[in-house]
């Protein structure tokens, strides 16, 4: 498995984790009478930041591959 494949696969799993934590956040807000605890509120953020970096990498990948191809020619 290449480096790009590993990042793409981890991005997919991170998106599942992010979706589940957002659903849990909305469920906690619907169930609890007051403000839910901060760890539930901020639980989606770590996966969101990791998805930001992996998404930016995947966004830039086609441009860098074209740049590397031109440099080799």
N, C-alpha and C. Protein backbone atom coordinates (compact mmCIF):
# COMPACT_ATOMS: atom_id res chain seq x y z
N UNK A 1 0.85 -1.17 0.00
CA UNK A 1 0.00 0.00 0.00
C UNK A 1 0.90 1.24 0.00
N UNK A 2 0.67 2.10 -0.96
CA UNK A 2 1.51 3.30 -1.07
C UNK A 2 1.07 4.36 -0.06
N UNK A 3 1.89 5.38 0.06
CA UNK A 3 1.63 6.46 1.01
C UNK A 3 0.32 7.17 0.69
N UNK A 4 0.05 7.43 -0.58
CA UNK A 4 -1.18 8.10 -0.98
C UNK A 4 -2.41 7.24 -0.69
N UNK A 5 -2.29 5.95 -0.92
CA UNK A 5 -3.41 5.05 -0.63
C UNK A 5 -3.70 5.01 0.86
N UNK A 6 -2.64 5.03 1.66
CA UNK A 6 -2.82 5.01 3.11
C UNK A 6 -3.51 6.27 3.60
N UNK A 7 -3.13 7.42 3.06
CA UNK A 7 -3.76 8.68 3.45
C UNK A 7 -5.21 8.71 3.00
N UNK A 8 -5.50 8.24 1.80
CA UNK A 8 -6.87 8.21 1.29
C UNK A 8 -7.75 7.31 2.15
N UNK A 9 -7.24 6.15 2.53
CA UNK A 9 -8.00 5.23 3.37
C UNK A 9 -8.22 5.81 4.77
N UNK A 10 -7.20 6.44 5.34
CA UNK A 10 -7.37 7.03 6.66
C UNK A 10 -8.34 8.20 6.61
N UNK A 11 -8.36 8.94 5.51
CA UNK A 11 -9.32 10.03 5.36
C UNK A 11 -10.76 9.49 5.36
N UNK A 12 -10.96 8.36 4.71
CA UNK A 12 -12.30 7.75 4.70
C UNK A 12 -12.72 7.33 6.10
N UNK A 13 -11.83 6.69 6.85
CA UNK A 13 -12.17 6.27 8.21
C UNK A 13 -12.36 7.46 9.14
N UNK A 14 -11.56 8.49 8.95
CA UNK A 14 -11.74 9.69 9.76
C UNK A 14 -13.08 10.35 9.49
N UNK A 15 -13.54 10.29 8.26
CA UNK A 15 -14.85 10.87 7.96
C UNK A 15 -15.96 10.10 8.65
N UNK A 16 -15.81 8.79 8.76
CA UNK A 16 -16.80 8.00 9.49
C UNK A 16 -16.78 8.36 10.97
N UNK A 17 -15.60 8.47 11.55
CA UNK A 17 -15.48 8.85 12.96
C UNK A 17 -16.05 10.24 13.18
N UNK A 18 -15.76 11.16 12.29
CA UNK A 18 -16.28 12.52 12.42
C UNK A 18 -17.81 12.52 12.37
N UNK A 19 -18.38 11.78 11.44
CA UNK A 19 -19.84 11.73 11.32
C UNK A 19 -20.47 11.16 12.58
N UNK A 20 -19.89 10.11 13.12
CA UNK A 20 -20.44 9.50 14.34
C UNK A 20 -20.34 10.45 15.53
N UNK A 21 -19.25 11.18 15.64
CA UNK A 21 -19.13 12.11 16.77
C UNK A 21 -20.08 13.30 16.63
N UNK A 22 -20.34 13.73 15.41
CA UNK A 22 -21.31 14.81 15.22
C UNK A 22 -22.71 14.32 15.55
N UNK A 23 -23.05 13.10 15.16
CA UNK A 23 -24.35 12.53 15.51
C UNK A 23 -24.48 12.40 17.02
N UNK A 24 -23.42 11.95 17.68
CA UNK A 24 -23.45 11.84 19.14
C UNK A 24 -23.60 13.22 19.79
N UNK A 25 -22.99 14.22 19.20
CA UNK A 25 -23.10 15.58 19.71
C UNK A 25 -24.54 16.08 19.63
N UNK A 26 -25.19 15.88 18.50
CA UNK A 26 -26.58 16.29 18.35
C UNK A 26 -27.50 15.49 19.27
N UNK A 27 -27.22 14.20 19.42
CA UNK A 27 -28.04 13.39 20.32
C UNK A 27 -27.88 13.85 21.77
N UNK A 28 -26.67 14.17 22.17
CA UNK A 28 -26.44 14.64 23.54
C UNK A 28 -27.13 15.97 23.78
N UNK A 29 -27.14 16.83 22.78
CA UNK A 29 -27.83 18.11 22.93
C UNK A 29 -29.34 17.94 22.98
N UNK A 30 -29.86 16.95 22.29
CA UNK A 30 -31.30 16.71 22.29
C UNK A 30 -31.76 16.06 23.59
N UNK A 31 -30.93 15.21 24.15
CA UNK A 31 -31.32 14.45 25.34
C UNK A 31 -31.12 15.25 26.62
N UNK A 32 -29.98 15.90 26.75
CA UNK A 32 -29.66 16.57 28.01
C UNK A 32 -30.45 17.87 28.14
N UNK A 33 -30.91 18.18 29.35
CA UNK A 33 -31.67 19.41 29.55
C UNK A 33 -30.80 20.67 29.48
N UNK A 34 -29.56 20.57 29.88
CA UNK A 34 -28.66 21.73 29.86
C UNK A 34 -27.61 21.56 28.79
N UNK A 35 -26.52 22.25 28.99
CA UNK A 35 -25.39 22.15 28.07
C UNK A 35 -24.66 20.83 28.29
N UNK A 36 -24.37 20.07 27.22
CA UNK A 36 -23.62 18.81 27.41
C UNK A 36 -22.18 19.09 27.82
N UNK A 37 -21.51 18.06 28.29
CA UNK A 37 -20.14 18.24 28.76
C UNK A 37 -19.22 18.63 27.59
N UNK A 38 -18.15 19.34 27.90
CA UNK A 38 -17.27 19.84 26.83
C UNK A 38 -16.62 18.73 26.00
N UNK A 39 -16.36 17.58 26.58
CA UNK A 39 -15.70 16.54 25.77
C UNK A 39 -16.62 16.04 24.67
N UNK A 40 -17.93 16.07 24.88
CA UNK A 40 -18.86 15.70 23.80
C UNK A 40 -18.91 16.82 22.76
N UNK A 41 -18.91 18.04 23.23
CA UNK A 41 -18.99 19.18 22.31
C UNK A 41 -17.77 19.25 21.40
N UNK A 42 -16.59 19.01 21.96
CA UNK A 42 -15.35 19.15 21.19
C UNK A 42 -14.83 17.82 20.62
N UNK A 43 -15.57 16.76 20.76
CA UNK A 43 -15.12 15.45 20.26
C UNK A 43 -14.91 15.40 18.75
N UNK A 44 -15.71 16.09 17.93
CA UNK A 44 -15.48 16.02 16.48
C UNK A 44 -14.22 16.75 15.99
N UNK A 45 -13.67 17.63 16.80
CA UNK A 45 -12.57 18.46 16.31
C UNK A 45 -11.28 17.72 15.96
N UNK A 46 -10.81 16.75 16.75
CA UNK A 46 -9.55 16.08 16.33
C UNK A 46 -9.65 15.40 14.97
N UNK A 47 -10.75 14.69 14.73
CA UNK A 47 -10.89 14.04 13.43
C UNK A 47 -11.07 15.07 12.32
N UNK A 48 -11.72 16.19 12.63
CA UNK A 48 -11.89 17.24 11.63
C UNK A 48 -10.55 17.85 11.23
N UNK A 49 -9.67 18.11 12.19
CA UNK A 49 -8.36 18.67 11.87
C UNK A 49 -7.50 17.67 11.09
N UNK A 50 -7.57 16.39 11.44
CA UNK A 50 -6.83 15.39 10.67
C UNK A 50 -7.37 15.27 9.25
N UNK A 51 -8.68 15.38 9.11
CA UNK A 51 -9.27 15.35 7.77
C UNK A 51 -8.88 16.58 6.96
N UNK A 52 -8.70 17.72 7.63
CA UNK A 52 -8.25 18.92 6.94
C UNK A 52 -6.89 18.68 6.30
N UNK A 53 -5.95 18.12 7.06
CA UNK A 53 -4.61 17.90 6.53
C UNK A 53 -4.58 16.83 5.43
N UNK A 54 -5.31 15.73 5.65
CA UNK A 54 -5.33 14.70 4.62
C UNK A 54 -6.08 15.18 3.38
N UNK A 55 -7.13 15.98 3.56
CA UNK A 55 -7.85 16.52 2.41
C UNK A 55 -7.01 17.51 1.62
N UNK A 56 -6.26 18.35 2.31
CA UNK A 56 -5.37 19.27 1.60
C UNK A 56 -4.28 18.52 0.85
N UNK A 57 -3.78 17.44 1.43
CA UNK A 57 -2.78 16.62 0.75
C UNK A 57 -3.37 16.02 -0.53
N UNK A 58 -4.57 15.46 -0.41
CA UNK A 58 -5.19 14.85 -1.59
C UNK A 58 -5.57 15.90 -2.63
N UNK A 59 -5.91 17.11 -2.19
CA UNK A 59 -6.20 18.18 -3.13
C UNK A 59 -4.95 18.59 -3.92
N UNK A 60 -3.82 18.66 -3.25
CA UNK A 60 -2.59 19.11 -3.89
C UNK A 60 -1.90 18.01 -4.69
N UNK A 61 -2.26 16.77 -4.47
CA UNK A 61 -1.56 15.65 -5.11
C UNK A 61 -1.55 15.72 -6.64
N UNK A 62 -2.66 15.98 -7.32
CA UNK A 62 -2.58 16.05 -8.79
C UNK A 62 -1.69 17.18 -9.29
N UNK A 63 -1.67 18.29 -8.58
CA UNK A 63 -0.85 19.42 -9.02
C UNK A 63 0.64 19.12 -8.82
N UNK A 64 0.98 18.47 -7.72
CA UNK A 64 2.39 18.16 -7.49
C UNK A 64 2.87 17.05 -8.42
N UNK A 65 1.99 16.13 -8.79
CA UNK A 65 2.42 15.08 -9.70
C UNK A 65 2.69 15.65 -11.10
N UNK A 66 1.87 16.62 -11.51
CA UNK A 66 2.14 17.28 -12.79
C UNK A 66 3.45 18.07 -12.74
N UNK A 67 3.70 18.71 -11.60
CA UNK A 67 4.93 19.48 -11.44
C UNK A 67 6.14 18.55 -11.47
N UNK A 68 6.03 17.39 -10.80
CA UNK A 68 7.15 16.43 -10.80
C UNK A 68 7.37 15.83 -12.18
N UNK A 69 6.30 15.60 -12.93
CA UNK A 69 6.42 15.04 -14.26
C UNK A 69 7.12 16.04 -15.19
N UNK A 70 6.78 17.31 -15.08
CA UNK A 70 7.44 18.33 -15.89
C UNK A 70 8.91 18.49 -15.52
N UNK A 71 9.23 18.34 -14.25
CA UNK A 71 10.61 18.50 -13.80
C UNK A 71 11.49 17.34 -14.30
N UNK A 72 10.89 16.15 -14.43
CA UNK A 72 11.66 14.99 -14.89
C UNK A 72 11.91 15.04 -16.39
N UNK A 73 11.04 15.69 -17.14
CA UNK A 73 11.15 15.72 -18.61
C UNK A 73 12.22 16.64 -19.11
